[in-house]
Amino acid sequence: MNRIRSLREEVQMTQKELAARLGVKGGAVISKYENGVNPLPEDALRLLSIIFGVSVDYILGLSDDRKKGTSLARPQIAWD
């Protein structure tokens, strides 16, 4: 979860400030997210996406494009 740390540092936000925005107690929780010790809950992931203005896929490392997600779409099946 190094991208969370990178994004947080880009905007000069402390772990404690980010914790307050996510509604969790203390910077220790953020540290555990950043270091991959604790899994990132879906609601926290969505909030991080909004806070930093990037896609969820970017935060998860699935895409290097900050605004777009992956192109993993359902294949379309054509029936004869």
PDB file of N, CA and C in Angstrom:
ATOM      1  N   MET A   1       0.817  -1.195   0.000  1.00  0.00           N
ATOM      2  CA  MET A   1       0.000   0.000   0.000  1.00  0.00           C
ATOM      3  C   MET A   1       0.864   1.264   0.000  1.00  0.00           C
ATOM      4  N   ASN A   2       1.989   1.188  -0.626  1.00  0.00           N
ATOM      5  CA  ASN A   2       2.864   2.351  -0.691  1.00  0.00           C
ATOM      6  C   ASN A   2       2.214   3.527  -1.402  1.00  0.00           C
ATOM      7  N   ARG A   3       1.254   3.266  -2.261  1.00  0.00           N
ATOM      8  CA  ARG A   3       0.606   4.375  -2.966  1.00  0.00           C
ATOM      9  C   ARG A   3      -0.180   5.263  -2.002  1.00  0.00           C
ATOM     10  N   ILE A   4      -0.727   4.678  -0.964  1.00  0.00           N
ATOM     11  CA  ILE A   4      -1.441   5.499   0.015  1.00  0.00           C
ATOM     12  C   ILE A   4      -0.453   6.464   0.667  1.00  0.00           C
ATOM     13  N   ARG A   5       0.693   5.951   1.068  1.00  0.00           N
ATOM     14  CA  ARG A   5       1.717   6.802   1.679  1.00  0.00           C
ATOM     15  C   ARG A   5       2.174   7.894   0.707  1.00  0.00           C
ATOM     16  N   SER A   6       2.429   7.510  -0.533  1.00  0.00           N
ATOM     17  CA  SER A   6       2.874   8.477  -1.536  1.00  0.00           C
ATOM     18  C   SER A   6       1.846   9.580  -1.755  1.00  0.00           C
ATOM     19  N   LEU A   7       0.592   9.189  -1.883  1.00  0.00           N
ATOM     20  CA  LEU A   7      -0.473  10.170  -2.093  1.00  0.00           C
ATOM     21  C   LEU A   7      -0.610  11.090  -0.881  1.00  0.00           C
ATOM     22  N   ARG A   8      -0.543  10.502   0.291  1.00  0.00           N
ATOM     23  CA  ARG A   8      -0.666  11.285   1.529  1.00  0.00           C
ATOM     24  C   ARG A   8       0.478  12.289   1.640  1.00  0.00           C
ATOM     25  N   GLU A   9       1.681  11.841   1.337  1.00  0.00           N
ATOM     26  CA  GLU A   9       2.841  12.733   1.426  1.00  0.00           C
ATOM     27  C   GLU A   9       2.818  13.820   0.358  1.00  0.00           C
ATOM     28  N   GLU A  10       2.268  13.504  -0.825  1.00  0.00           N
ATOM     29  CA  GLU A  10       2.153  14.502  -1.892  1.00  0.00           C
ATOM     30  C   GLU A  10       1.351  15.722  -1.449  1.00  0.00           C
ATOM     31  N   VAL A  11       0.320  15.473  -0.655  1.00  0.00           N
ATOM     32  CA  VAL A  11      -0.529  16.575  -0.199  1.00  0.00           C
ATOM     33  C   VAL A  11      -0.154  17.032   1.211  1.00  0.00           C
ATOM     34  N   GLN A  12       0.979  16.544   1.694  1.00  0.00           N
ATOM     35  CA  GLN A  12       1.526  16.930   3.001  1.00  0.00           C
ATOM     36  C   GLN A  12       0.514  16.715   4.128  1.00  0.00           C
ATOM     37  N   MET A  13      -0.048  15.517   4.137  1.00  0.00           N
ATOM     38  CA  MET A  13      -1.029  15.154   5.151  1.00  0.00           C
ATOM     39  C   MET A  13      -0.395  14.138   6.100  1.00  0.00           C
ATOM     40  N   THR A  14      -0.645  14.298   7.376  1.00  0.00           N
ATOM     41  CA  THR A  14      -0.121  13.339   8.348  1.00  0.00           C
ATOM     42  C   THR A  14      -1.024  12.108   8.397  1.00  0.00           C
ATOM     43  N   GLN A  15      -0.502  11.050   8.977  1.00  0.00           N
ATOM     44  CA  GLN A  15      -1.318   9.857   9.160  1.00  0.00           C
ATOM     45  C   GLN A  15      -2.513  10.155  10.061  1.00  0.00           C
ATOM     46  N   LYS A  16      -2.292  10.969  11.052  1.00  0.00           N
ATOM     47  CA  LYS A  16      -3.370  11.319  11.978  1.00  0.00           C
ATOM     48  C   LYS A  16      -4.475  12.106  11.258  1.00  0.00           C
ATOM     49  N   GLU A  17      -4.090  13.029  10.377  1.00  0.00           N
ATOM     50  CA  GLU A  17      -5.077  13.802   9.611  1.00  0.00           C
ATOM     51  C   GLU A  17      -5.874  12.895   8.679  1.00  0.00           C
ATOM     52  N   LEU A  18      -5.184  11.968   8.029  1.00  0.00           N
ATOM     53  CA  LEU A  18      -5.880  11.042   7.132  1.00  0.00           C
ATOM     54  C   LEU A  18      -6.811  10.137   7.926  1.00  0.00           C
ATOM     55  N   ALA A  19      -6.375   9.700   9.089  1.00  0.00           N
ATOM     56  CA  ALA A  19      -7.230   8.865   9.953  1.00  0.00           C
ATOM     57  C   ALA A  19      -8.517   9.604  10.299  1.00  0.00           C
ATOM     58  N   ALA A  20      -8.400  10.884  10.618  1.00  0.00           N
ATOM     59  CA  ALA A  20      -9.584  11.681  10.954  1.00  0.00           C
ATOM     60  C   ALA A  20     -10.529  11.768   9.761  1.00  0.00           C
ATOM     61  N   ARG A  21      -9.990  11.937   8.571  1.00  0.00           N
ATOM     62  CA  ARG A  21     -10.835  12.014   7.376  1.00  0.00           C
ATOM     63  C   ARG A  21     -11.530  10.695   7.070  1.00  0.00           C
ATOM     64  N   LEU A  22     -10.855   9.599   7.399  1.00  0.00           N
ATOM     65  CA  LEU A  22     -11.445   8.277   7.154  1.00  0.00           C
ATOM     66  C   LEU A  22     -12.351   7.823   8.293  1.00  0.00           C
ATOM     67  N   GLY A  23     -12.303   8.558   9.400  1.00  0.00           N
ATOM     68  CA  GLY A  23     -13.143   8.210  10.540  1.00  0.00           C
ATOM     69  C   GLY A  23     -12.610   7.038  11.342  1.00  0.00           C
ATOM     70  N   VAL A  24     -11.287   6.873  11.333  1.00  0.00           N
ATOM     71  CA  VAL A  24     -10.664   5.822  12.141  1.00  0.00           C
ATOM     72  C   VAL A  24      -9.819   6.482  13.220  1.00  0.00           C
ATOM     73  N   LYS A  25      -9.516   5.720  14.271  1.00  0.00           N
ATOM     74  CA  LYS A  25      -8.777   6.294  15.394  1.00  0.00           C
ATOM     75  C   LYS A  25      -7.279   6.151  15.207  1.00  0.00           C
ATOM     76  N   GLY A  26      -6.591   7.271  15.206  1.00  0.00           N
ATOM     77  CA  GLY A  26      -5.133   7.299  15.243  1.00  0.00           C
ATOM     78  C   GLY A  26      -4.424   6.951  13.953  1.00  0.00           C
ATOM     79  N   GLY A  27      -3.196   7.445  13.881  1.00  0.00           N
ATOM     80  CA  GLY A  27      -2.358   7.212  12.715  1.00  0.00           C
ATOM     81  C   GLY A  27      -1.861   5.788  12.608  1.00  0.00           C
ATOM     82  N   ALA A  28      -1.912   5.033  13.698  1.00  0.00           N
ATOM     83  CA  ALA A  28      -1.441   3.649  13.658  1.00  0.00           C
ATOM     84  C   ALA A  28      -2.248   2.820  12.667  1.00  0.00           C
ATOM     85  N   VAL A  29      -3.535   3.088  12.567  1.00  0.00           N
ATOM     86  CA  VAL A  29      -4.386   2.370  11.619  1.00  0.00           C
ATOM     87  C   VAL A  29      -3.923   2.664  10.193  1.00  0.00           C
ATOM     88  N   ILE A  30      -3.624   3.918   9.908  1.00  0.00           N
ATOM     89  CA  ILE A  30      -3.163   4.312   8.579  1.00  0.00           C
ATOM     90  C   ILE A  30      -1.822   3.656   8.287  1.00  0.00           C
ATOM     91  N   SER A  31      -0.943   3.628   9.265  1.00  0.00           N
ATOM     92  CA  SER A  31       0.353   2.979   9.093  1.00  0.00           C
ATOM     93  C   SER A  31       0.177   1.516   8.704  1.00  0.00           C
ATOM     94  N   LYS A  32      -0.775   0.852   9.330  1.00  0.00           N
ATOM     95  CA  LYS A  32      -1.025  -0.556   9.017  1.00  0.00           C
ATOM     96  C   LYS A  32      -1.592  -0.730   7.607  1.00  0.00           C
ATOM     97  N   TYR A  33      -2.415   0.211   7.154  1.00  0.00           N
ATOM     98  CA  TYR A  33      -2.896   0.183   5.769  1.00  0.00           C
ATOM     99  C   TYR A  33      -1.733   0.399   4.811  1.00  0.00           C
ATOM    100  N   GLU A  34      -0.915   1.390   5.096  1.00  0.00           N
ATOM    101  CA  GLU A  34       0.196   1.733   4.213  1.00  0.00           C
ATOM    102  C   GLU A  34       1.207   0.598   4.094  1.00  0.00           C
ATOM    103  N   ASN A  35       1.396  -0.137   5.162  1.00  0.00           N
ATOM    104  CA  ASN A  35       2.388  -1.215   5.159  1.00  0.00           C
ATOM    105  C   ASN A  35       1.799  -2.580   4.824  1.00  0.00           C
ATOM    106  N   GLY A  36       0.500  -2.627   4.535  1.00  0.00           N
ATOM    107  CA  GLY A  36      -0.135  -3.867   4.149  1.00  0.00           C
ATOM    108  C   GLY A  36      -0.357  -4.841   5.293  1.00  0.00           C
ATOM    109  N   VAL A  37      -0.262  -4.351   6.530  1.00  0.00           N
ATOM    110  CA  VAL A  37      -0.488  -5.208   7.698  1.00  0.00           C
ATOM    111  C   VAL A  37      -1.971  -5.532   7.832  1.00  0.00           C
ATOM    112  N   ASN A  38      -2.818  -4.526   7.658  1.00  0.00           N
ATOM    113  CA  ASN A  38      -4.271  -4.712   7.717  1.00  0.00           C
ATOM    114  C   ASN A  38      -4.854  -4.520   6.329  1.00  0.00           C
ATOM    115  N   PRO A  39      -5.828  -5.347   5.955  1.00  0.00           N
ATOM    116  CA  PRO A  39      -6.488  -5.132   4.670  1.00  0.00           C
ATOM    117  C   PRO A  39      -7.284  -3.831   4.686  1.00  0.00           C
ATOM    118  N   LEU A  40      -7.379  -3.219   3.543  1.00  0.00           N
ATOM    119  CA  LEU A  40      -8.083  -1.958   3.411  1.00  0.00           C
ATOM    120  C   LEU A  40      -9.563  -2.224   3.186  1.00  0.00           C
ATOM    121  N   PRO A  41     -10.442  -1.784   4.104  1.00  0.00           N
ATOM    122  CA  PRO A  41     -11.879  -1.987   3.910  1.00  0.00           C
ATOM    123  C   PRO A  41     -12.378  -1.241   2.670  1.00  0.00           C
ATOM    124  N   GLU A  42     -13.407  -1.786   2.061  1.00  0.00           N
ATOM    125  CA  GLU A  42     -13.944  -1.206   0.833  1.00  0.00           C
ATOM    126  C   GLU A  42     -14.374   0.253   1.016  1.00  0.00           C
ATOM    127  N   ASP A  43     -15.018   0.564   2.131  1.00  0.00           N
ATOM    128  CA  ASP A  43     -15.466   1.946   2.337  1.00  0.00           C
ATOM    129  C   ASP A  43     -14.275   2.895   2.484  1.00  0.00           C
ATOM    130  N   ALA A  44     -13.212   2.445   3.125  1.00  0.00           N
ATOM    131  CA  ALA A  44     -12.011   3.278   3.263  1.00  0.00           C
ATOM    132  C   ALA A  44     -11.351   3.480   1.903  1.00  0.00           C
ATOM    133  N   LEU A  45     -11.343   2.445   1.097  1.00  0.00           N
ATOM    134  CA  LEU A  45     -10.765   2.538  -0.244  1.00  0.00           C
ATOM    135  C   LEU A  45     -11.513   3.557  -1.093  1.00  0.00           C
ATOM    136  N   ARG A  46     -12.829   3.535  -1.009  1.00  0.00           N
ATOM    137  CA  ARG A  46     -13.634   4.514  -1.758  1.00  0.00           C
ATOM    138  C   ARG A  46     -13.362   5.934  -1.277  1.00  0.00           C
ATOM    139  N   LEU A  47     -13.285   6.116   0.042  1.00  0.00           N
ATOM    140  CA  LEU A  47     -12.997   7.448   0.585  1.00  0.00           C
ATOM    141  C   LEU A  47     -11.607   7.934   0.174  1.00  0.00           C
ATOM    142  N   LEU A  48     -10.627   7.049   0.189  1.00  0.00           N
ATOM    143  CA  LEU A  48      -9.275   7.427  -0.240  1.00  0.00           C
ATOM    144  C   LEU A  48      -9.288   7.898  -1.689  1.00  0.00           C
ATOM    145  N   SER A  49     -10.057   7.211  -2.514  1.00  0.00           N
ATOM    146  CA  SER A  49     -10.179   7.591  -3.915  1.00  0.00           C
ATOM    147  C   SER A  49     -10.731   9.007  -4.055  1.00  0.00           C
ATOM    148  N   ILE A  50     -11.720   9.332  -3.241  1.00  0.00           N
ATOM    149  CA  ILE A  50     -12.320  10.670  -3.269  1.00  0.00           C
ATOM    150  C   ILE A  50     -11.359  11.708  -2.696  1.00  0.00           C
ATOM    151  N   ILE A  51     -10.747  11.401  -1.570  1.00  0.00           N
ATOM    152  CA  ILE A  51      -9.834  12.341  -0.907  1.00  0.00           C
ATOM    153  C   ILE A  51      -8.679  12.722  -1.817  1.00  0.00           C
ATOM    154  N   PHE A  52      -8.093  11.728  -2.477  1.00  0.00           N
ATOM    155  CA  PHE A  52      -6.900  11.994  -3.289  1.00  0.00           C
ATOM    156  C   PHE A  52      -7.201  12.217  -4.767  1.00  0.00           C
ATOM    157  N   GLY A  53      -8.449  12.020  -5.171  1.00  0.00           N
ATOM    158  CA  GLY A  53      -8.832  12.266  -6.559  1.00  0.00           C
ATOM    159  C   GLY A  53      -8.202  11.293  -7.546  1.00  0.00           C
ATOM    160  N   VAL A  54      -8.077  10.045  -7.129  1.00  0.00           N
ATOM    161  CA  VAL A  54      -7.497   9.021  -7.997  1.00  0.00           C
ATOM    162  C   VAL A  54      -8.449   7.826  -8.038  1.00  0.00           C
ATOM    163  N   SER A  55      -8.206   6.930  -8.982  1.00  0.00           N
ATOM    164  CA  SER A  55      -9.062   5.747  -9.084  1.00  0.00           C
ATOM    165  C   SER A  55      -8.702   4.733  -8.005  1.00  0.00           C
ATOM    166  N   VAL A  56      -9.658   3.904  -7.687  1.00  0.00           N
ATOM    167  CA  VAL A  56      -9.437   2.807  -6.744  1.00  0.00           C
ATOM    168  C   VAL A  56      -8.352   1.885  -7.292  1.00  0.00           C
ATOM    169  N   ASP A  57      -8.384   1.632  -8.592  1.00  0.00           N
ATOM    170  CA  ASP A  57      -7.383   0.767  -9.208  1.00  0.00           C
ATOM    171  C   ASP A  57      -5.974   1.325  -9.041  1.00  0.00           C
ATOM    172  N   TYR A  58      -5.843   2.642  -9.096  1.00  0.00           N
ATOM    173  CA  TYR A  58      -4.525   3.248  -8.886  1.00  0.00           C
ATOM    174  C   TYR A  58      -4.045   2.984  -7.464  1.00  0.00           C
ATOM    175  N   ILE A  59      -4.920   3.180  -6.491  1.00  0.00           N
ATOM    176  CA  ILE A  59      -4.553   2.946  -5.092  1.00  0.00           C
ATOM    177  C   ILE A  59      -4.125   1.496  -4.885  1.00  0.00           C
ATOM    178  N   LEU A  60      -4.828   0.570  -5.514  1.00  0.00           N
ATOM    179  CA  LEU A  60      -4.537  -0.844  -5.356  1.00  0.00           C
ATOM    180  C   LEU A  60      -3.341  -1.313  -6.183  1.00  0.00           C
ATOM    181  N   GLY A  61      -2.830  -0.442  -7.053  1.00  0.00           N
ATOM    182  CA  GLY A  61      -1.694  -0.815  -7.892  1.00  0.00           C
ATOM    183  C   GLY A  61      -2.085  -1.604  -9.131  1.00  0.00           C
ATOM    184  N   LEU A  62      -3.374  -1.592  -9.478  1.00  0.00           N
ATOM    185  CA  LEU A  62      -3.843  -2.308 -10.663  1.00  0.00           C
ATOM    186  C   LEU A  62      -3.707  -1.483 -11.932  1.00  0.00           C
ATOM    187  N   SER A  63      -3.505  -0.192 -11.769  1.00  0.00           N
ATOM    188  CA  SER A  63      -3.361   0.720 -12.897  1.00  0.00           C
ATOM    189  C   SER A  63      -2.349   1.797 -12.529  1.00  0.00           C
ATOM    190  N   ASP A  64      -1.575   2.218 -13.520  1.00  0.00           N
ATOM    191  CA  ASP A  64      -0.641   3.313 -13.288  1.00  0.00           C
ATOM    192  C   ASP A  64      -1.257   4.654 -13.667  1.00  0.00           C
ATOM    193  N   ASP A  65      -2.441   4.615 -14.243  1.00  0.00           N
ATOM    194  CA  ASP A  65      -3.164   5.835 -14.594  1.00  0.00           C
ATOM    195  C   ASP A  65      -3.967   6.268 -13.374  1.00  0.00           C
ATOM    196  N   ARG A  66      -3.720   7.474 -12.915  1.00  0.00           N
ATOM    197  CA  ARG A  66      -4.364   7.946 -11.686  1.00  0.00           C
ATOM    198  C   ARG A  66      -5.873   8.122 -11.821  1.00  0.00           C
ATOM    199  N   LYS A  67      -6.363   8.385 -12.999  1.00  0.00           N
ATOM    200  CA  LYS A  67      -7.783   8.690 -13.168  1.00  0.00           C
ATOM    201  C   LYS A  67      -8.605   7.523 -13.687  1.00  0.00           C
ATOM    202  N   LYS A  68      -7.992   6.646 -14.449  1.00  0.00           N
ATOM    203  CA  LYS A  68      -8.737   5.550 -15.057  1.00  0.00           C
ATOM    204  C   LYS A  68      -8.456   4.247 -14.340  1.00  0.00           C
ATOM    205  N   GLY A  69      -9.445   3.404 -14.351  1.00  0.00           N
ATOM    206  CA  GLY A  69      -9.274   2.078 -13.781  1.00  0.00           C
ATOM    207  C   GLY A  69      -8.689   1.129 -14.816  1.00  0.00           C
ATOM    208  N   THR A  70      -8.735  -0.123 -14.517  1.00  0.00           N
ATOM    209  CA  THR A  70      -8.227  -1.117 -15.444  1.00  0.00           C
ATOM    210  C   THR A  70      -9.201  -1.307 -16.592  1.00  0.00           C
ATOM    211  N   SER A  71      -8.744  -1.977 -17.592  1.00  0.00           N
ATOM    212  CA  SER A  71      -9.618  -2.267 -18.730  1.00  0.00           C
ATOM    213  C   SER A  71     -10.150  -3.684 -18.637  1.00  0.00           C
ATOM    214  N   LEU A  72     -10.196  -4.205 -17.428  1.00  0.00           N
ATOM    215  CA  LEU A  72     -10.710  -5.561 -17.241  1.00  0.00           C
ATOM    216  C   LEU A  72     -12.230  -5.538 -17.231  1.00  0.00           C
ATOM    217  N   ALA A  73     -12.788  -5.558 -18.407  1.00  0.00           N
ATOM    218  CA  ALA A  73     -14.241  -5.523 -18.551  1.00  0.00           C
ATOM    219  C   ALA A  73     -14.730  -6.935 -18.872  1.00  0.00           C
ATOM    220  N   ARG A  74     -16.000  -7.164 -18.624  1.00  0.00           N
ATOM    221  CA  ARG A  74     -16.604  -8.446 -18.993  1.00  0.00           C
ATOM    222  C   ARG A  74     -16.550  -8.623 -20.489  1.00  0.00           C
ATOM    223  N   PRO A  75     -16.154  -9.784 -20.937  1.00  0.00           N
ATOM    224  CA  PRO A  75     -16.166 -10.009 -22.395  1.00  0.00           C
ATOM    225  C   PRO A  75     -17.605 -10.064 -22.905  1.00  0.00           C
ATOM    226  N   GLN A  76     -17.798  -9.548 -24.060  1.00  0.00           N
ATOM    227  CA  GLN A  76     -19.129  -9.569 -24.673  1.00  0.00           C
ATOM    228  C   GLN A  76     -19.251 -10.849 -25.490  1.00  0.00           C
ATOM    229  N   ILE A  77     -20.334 -11.551 -25.310  1.00  0.00           N
ATOM    230  CA  ILE A  77     -20.563 -12.802 -26.036  1.00  0.00           C
ATOM    231  C   ILE A  77     -21.614 -12.549 -27.101  1.00  0.00           C
ATOM    232  N   ALA A  78     -21.243 -12.856 -28.312  1.00  0.00           N
ATOM    233  CA  ALA A  78     -22.183 -12.686 -29.429  1.00  0.00           C
ATOM    234  C   ALA A  78     -22.855 -14.031 -29.690  1.00  0.00           C
ATOM    235  N   TRP A  79     -24.166 -14.022 -29.675  1.00  0.00           N
ATOM    236  CA  TRP A  79     -24.927 -15.242 -29.961  1.00  0.00           C
ATOM    237  C   TRP A  79     -25.404 -15.212 -31.387  1.00  0.00           C
ATOM    238  N   ASP A  80     -25.280 -16.329 -32.053  1.00  0.00           N
ATOM    239  CA  ASP A  80     -25.764 -16.434 -33.430  1.00  0.00           C
ATOM    240  C   ASP A  80     -27.254 -16.533 -33.486  1.00  0.00           C
TER     241      ASP A  80
END
